[in-house]
Amino acid sequence: MFNDIGIEERILSDESYAIIGACMTVHRELGTGFLEAIYQEALEKEFLLQGISYVREKQLQIRYKGVALEKHYMADFVCYGEIIVELKALSDLDTVHESQLINYLKATKAPLGILINFGQDSLQYKRILNRYRSQK
């Protein structure tokens, strides 16, 4: 994922490992071809089995100049209170999907997001560090 082993790989690494492992278990069990909602439901059950704390379909408040907007984002999962997990079931991911997760991170100041794609023969995942966290 990253060019060298450094602080980026250490941020919430144990938690990330657990989340990605749960996703791999679901992918191994179901394979490809299901809708995202099926993977989301199965992953929720796997999180429960593995004791991973989460909130499913968490509403993320968006602010403009300090004022809350009526529109909001909906994250598939927020795990451990600080990792946004965005699920896809597509033949391939592109930068639009990464941008969606980056916007979630900007809006929430969460330290880390994980983009998961169940749509290929091998599970695809990408950890995305919030580069906007220290900004206001």
C-alpha atoms as a PDB file:
ATOM      1  CA  MET A   1       0.000   0.000   0.000  1.00  0.00           C
ATOM      2  CA  PHE A   2       2.722   2.488   0.934  1.00  0.00           C
ATOM      3  CA  ASN A   3       6.198   3.056  -0.479  1.00  0.00           C
ATOM      4  CA  ASP A   4       8.006   2.334   2.772  1.00  0.00           C
ATOM      5  CA  ILE A   5       7.194   1.056   6.201  1.00  0.00           C
ATOM      6  CA  GLY A   6       6.626   4.030   8.423  1.00  0.00           C
ATOM      7  CA  ILE A   7       4.099   5.715  10.605  1.00  0.00           C
ATOM      8  CA  GLU A   8       1.365   5.393   7.957  1.00  0.00           C
ATOM      9  CA  GLU A   9       1.408   1.618   8.227  1.00  0.00           C
ATOM     10  CA  ARG A  10       1.388   1.723  12.034  1.00  0.00           C
ATOM     11  CA  ILE A  11      -1.698   3.937  12.370  1.00  0.00           C
ATOM     12  CA  LEU A  12      -4.451   1.651  13.672  1.00  0.00           C
ATOM     13  CA  SER A  13      -2.644  -1.325  12.137  1.00  0.00           C
ATOM     14  CA  ASP A  14      -4.041  -3.971  14.520  1.00  0.00           C
ATOM     15  CA  GLU A  15      -7.561  -2.692  13.995  1.00  0.00           C
ATOM     16  CA  SER A  16      -7.077  -2.530  10.222  1.00  0.00           C
ATOM     17  CA  TYR A  17      -5.729  -6.062  10.206  1.00  0.00           C
ATOM     18  CA  ALA A  18      -8.828  -7.297  12.051  1.00  0.00           C
ATOM     19  CA  ILE A  19     -11.216  -5.465   9.705  1.00  0.00           C
ATOM     20  CA  ILE A  20      -9.476  -6.661   6.541  1.00  0.00           C
ATOM     21  CA  GLY A  21      -9.309 -10.199   7.948  1.00  0.00           C
ATOM     22  CA  ALA A  22     -13.066 -10.159   8.547  1.00  0.00           C
ATOM     23  CA  CYS A  23     -13.589  -8.939   4.982  1.00  0.00           C
ATOM     24  CA  MET A  24     -11.392 -11.747   3.664  1.00  0.00           C
ATOM     25  CA  THR A  25     -13.455 -14.270   5.628  1.00  0.00           C
ATOM     26  CA  VAL A  26     -16.672 -12.940   4.087  1.00  0.00           C
ATOM     27  CA  HIS A  27     -15.130 -12.926   0.599  1.00  0.00           C
ATOM     28  CA  ARG A  28     -13.867 -16.477   1.023  1.00  0.00           C
ATOM     29  CA  GLU A  29     -17.318 -17.621   2.134  1.00  0.00           C
ATOM     30  CA  LEU A  30     -19.447 -15.746  -0.437  1.00  0.00           C
ATOM     31  CA  GLY A  31     -17.086 -15.224  -3.376  1.00  0.00           C
ATOM     32  CA  THR A  32     -17.962 -12.597  -5.972  1.00  0.00           C
ATOM     33  CA  GLY A  33     -21.213 -11.678  -7.660  1.00  0.00           C
ATOM     34  CA  PHE A  34     -23.443 -10.480  -4.831  1.00  0.00           C
ATOM     35  CA  LEU A  35     -24.774  -6.978  -4.324  1.00  0.00           C
ATOM     36  CA  GLU A  36     -22.972  -4.685  -1.898  1.00  0.00           C
ATOM     37  CA  ALA A  37     -25.876  -4.955   0.569  1.00  0.00           C
ATOM     38  CA  ILE A  38     -25.320  -8.724   0.893  1.00  0.00           C
ATOM     39  CA  TYR A  39     -21.642  -8.239   1.701  1.00  0.00           C
ATOM     40  CA  GLN A  40     -22.530  -5.509   4.173  1.00  0.00           C
ATOM     41  CA  GLU A  41     -24.945  -7.748   6.036  1.00  0.00           C
ATOM     42  CA  ALA A  42     -22.530 -10.682   6.047  1.00  0.00           C
ATOM     43  CA  LEU A  43     -19.686  -8.431   7.210  1.00  0.00           C
ATOM     44  CA  GLU A  44     -21.795  -7.157  10.088  1.00  0.00           C
ATOM     45  CA  LYS A  45     -22.291 -10.757  11.211  1.00  0.00           C
ATOM     46  CA  GLU A  46     -18.547 -11.404  10.886  1.00  0.00           C
ATOM     47  CA  PHE A  47     -17.721  -8.276  12.912  1.00  0.00           C
ATOM     48  CA  LEU A  48     -20.015  -9.582  15.655  1.00  0.00           C
ATOM     49  CA  LEU A  49     -18.372 -13.025  15.559  1.00  0.00           C
ATOM     50  CA  GLN A  50     -14.893 -11.512  15.778  1.00  0.00           C
ATOM     51  CA  GLY A  51     -15.736  -8.889  18.404  1.00  0.00           C
ATOM     52  CA  ILE A  52     -14.974  -5.929  16.143  1.00  0.00           C
ATOM     53  CA  SER A  53     -16.790  -2.836  17.391  1.00  0.00           C
ATOM     54  CA  TYR A  54     -18.714  -1.004  14.677  1.00  0.00           C
ATOM     55  CA  VAL A  55     -21.622   1.215  13.754  1.00  0.00           C
ATOM     56  CA  ARG A  56     -23.385   0.258  10.520  1.00  0.00           C
ATOM     57  CA  GLU A  57     -24.608   2.923   8.077  1.00  0.00           C
ATOM     58  CA  LYS A  58     -23.423   5.763  10.260  1.00  0.00           C
ATOM     59  CA  GLN A  59     -24.585   9.200   9.247  1.00  0.00           C
ATOM     60  CA  LEU A  60     -21.648  11.567   8.775  1.00  0.00           C
ATOM     61  CA  GLN A  61     -22.419  15.251   9.317  1.00  0.00           C
ATOM     62  CA  ILE A  62     -20.988  17.703   6.787  1.00  0.00           C
ATOM     63  CA  ARG A  63     -20.209  21.269   7.775  1.00  0.00           C
ATOM     64  CA  TYR A  64     -19.698  24.364   5.686  1.00  0.00           C
ATOM     65  CA  LYS A  65     -17.956  27.254   7.432  1.00  0.00           C
ATOM     66  CA  GLY A  66     -18.856  25.728  10.758  1.00  0.00           C
ATOM     67  CA  VAL A  67     -22.544  25.267   9.951  1.00  0.00           C
ATOM     68  CA  ALA A  68     -24.052  21.790   9.640  1.00  0.00           C
ATOM     69  CA  LEU A  69     -25.540  21.086   6.224  1.00  0.00           C
ATOM     70  CA  GLU A  70     -28.827  19.256   5.803  1.00  0.00           C
ATOM     71  CA  LYS A  71     -27.213  16.767   3.412  1.00  0.00           C
ATOM     72  CA  HIS A  72     -24.951  14.131   4.882  1.00  0.00           C
ATOM     73  CA  TYR A  73     -22.853  11.122   3.960  1.00  0.00           C
ATOM     74  CA  MET A  74     -23.662   7.597   5.046  1.00  0.00           C
ATOM     75  CA  ALA A  75     -20.642   5.414   5.843  1.00  0.00           C
ATOM     76  CA  ASP A  76     -21.111   1.667   5.429  1.00  0.00           C
ATOM     77  CA  PHE A  77     -19.316   1.101   8.739  1.00  0.00           C
ATOM     78  CA  VAL A  78     -17.350   3.048  11.290  1.00  0.00           C
ATOM     79  CA  CYS A  79     -15.228   0.558  13.220  1.00  0.00           C
ATOM     80  CA  TYR A  80     -13.514   1.082  16.548  1.00  0.00           C
ATOM     81  CA  GLY A  81     -15.051   4.554  16.601  1.00  0.00           C
ATOM     82  CA  GLU A  82     -12.499   5.943  14.163  1.00  0.00           C
ATOM     83  CA  ILE A  83     -12.020   3.842  11.006  1.00  0.00           C
ATOM     84  CA  ILE A  84     -14.430   4.452   8.139  1.00  0.00           C
ATOM     85  CA  VAL A  85     -15.003   1.297   6.094  1.00  0.00           C
ATOM     86  CA  GLU A  86     -16.506   1.768   2.642  1.00  0.00           C
ATOM     87  CA  LEU A  87     -17.680  -1.322   0.767  1.00  0.00           C
ATOM     88  CA  LYS A  88     -17.989  -1.894  -2.968  1.00  0.00           C
ATOM     89  CA  ALA A  89     -18.925  -4.896  -5.097  1.00  0.00           C
ATOM     90  CA  LEU A  90     -17.566  -3.811  -8.463  1.00  0.00           C
ATOM     91  CA  SER A  91     -15.510  -5.309 -11.258  1.00  0.00           C
ATOM     92  CA  ASP A  92     -12.874  -2.658 -10.570  1.00  0.00           C
ATOM     93  CA  LEU A  93     -12.246   0.345  -8.340  1.00  0.00           C
ATOM     94  CA  ASP A  94     -11.262   3.731  -9.670  1.00  0.00           C
ATOM     95  CA  THR A  95     -10.304   7.111  -8.272  1.00  0.00           C
ATOM     96  CA  VAL A  96     -13.960   8.137  -7.824  1.00  0.00           C
ATOM     97  CA  HIS A  97     -14.342   5.470  -5.130  1.00  0.00           C
ATOM     98  CA  GLU A  98     -11.161   6.605  -3.388  1.00  0.00           C
ATOM     99  CA  SER A  99     -12.360  10.218  -3.590  1.00  0.00           C
ATOM    100  CA  GLN A 100     -15.628   9.253  -1.910  1.00  0.00           C
ATOM    101  CA  LEU A 101     -13.754   7.802   1.059  1.00  0.00           C
ATOM    102  CA  ILE A 102     -11.344  10.748   1.166  1.00  0.00           C
ATOM    103  CA  ASN A 103     -14.357  13.082   1.408  1.00  0.00           C
ATOM    104  CA  TYR A 104     -15.723  11.021   4.301  1.00  0.00           C
ATOM    105  CA  LEU A 105     -12.370  11.397   6.032  1.00  0.00           C
ATOM    106  CA  LYS A 106     -12.290  15.152   5.398  1.00  0.00           C
ATOM    107  CA  ALA A 107     -15.800  15.552   6.779  1.00  0.00           C
ATOM    108  CA  THR A 108     -15.225  13.550   9.946  1.00  0.00           C
ATOM    109  CA  LYS A 109     -11.533  14.050  10.689  1.00  0.00           C
ATOM    110  CA  ALA A 110     -11.341  10.264  11.210  1.00  0.00           C
ATOM    111  CA  PRO A 111      -7.708   9.129  11.027  1.00  0.00           C
ATOM    112  CA  LEU A 112      -8.175   6.241   8.603  1.00  0.00           C
ATOM    113  CA  GLY A 113     -10.463   4.821   5.961  1.00  0.00           C
ATOM    114  CA  ILE A 114     -10.453   1.394   4.361  1.00  0.00           C
ATOM    115  CA  LEU A 115     -11.912   0.886   0.907  1.00  0.00           C
ATOM    116  CA  ILE A 116     -13.004  -2.722   0.331  1.00  0.00           C
ATOM    117  CA  ASN A 117     -14.058  -4.287  -2.987  1.00  0.00           C
ATOM    118  CA  PHE A 118     -15.720  -7.703  -2.963  1.00  0.00           C
ATOM    119  CA  GLY A 119     -16.260  -7.687  -6.740  1.00  0.00           C
ATOM    120  CA  GLN A 120     -13.097  -9.476  -7.858  1.00  0.00           C
ATOM    121  CA  ASP A 121     -11.749 -13.007  -7.439  1.00  0.00           C
ATOM    122  CA  SER A 122      -9.378 -11.693  -4.760  1.00  0.00           C
ATOM    123  CA  LEU A 123     -10.528  -9.168  -2.190  1.00  0.00           C
ATOM    124  CA  GLN A 124      -9.288  -5.670  -3.003  1.00  0.00           C
ATOM    125  CA  TYR A 125      -8.610  -3.239  -0.195  1.00  0.00           C
ATOM    126  CA  LYS A 126      -6.885   0.050   0.301  1.00  0.00           C
ATOM    127  CA  ARG A 127      -6.033   1.888   3.513  1.00  0.00           C
ATOM    128  CA  ILE A 128      -6.346   5.642   3.130  1.00  0.00           C
ATOM    129  CA  LEU A 129      -4.806   7.887   5.745  1.00  0.00           C
ATOM    130  CA  ASN A 130      -6.620  11.157   6.475  1.00  0.00           C
ATOM    131  CA  ARG A 131      -4.252  13.876   5.322  1.00  0.00           C
ATOM    132  CA  TYR A 132      -6.788  16.519   6.360  1.00  0.00           C
ATOM    133  CA  ARG A 133      -7.067  15.514  10.003  1.00  0.00           C
ATOM    134  CA  SER A 134      -5.026  18.347  11.494  1.00  0.00           C
ATOM    135  CA  GLN A 135      -6.754  20.996   9.364  1.00  0.00           C
ATOM    136  CA  LYS A 136      -9.834  22.832  10.575  1.00  0.00           C
END
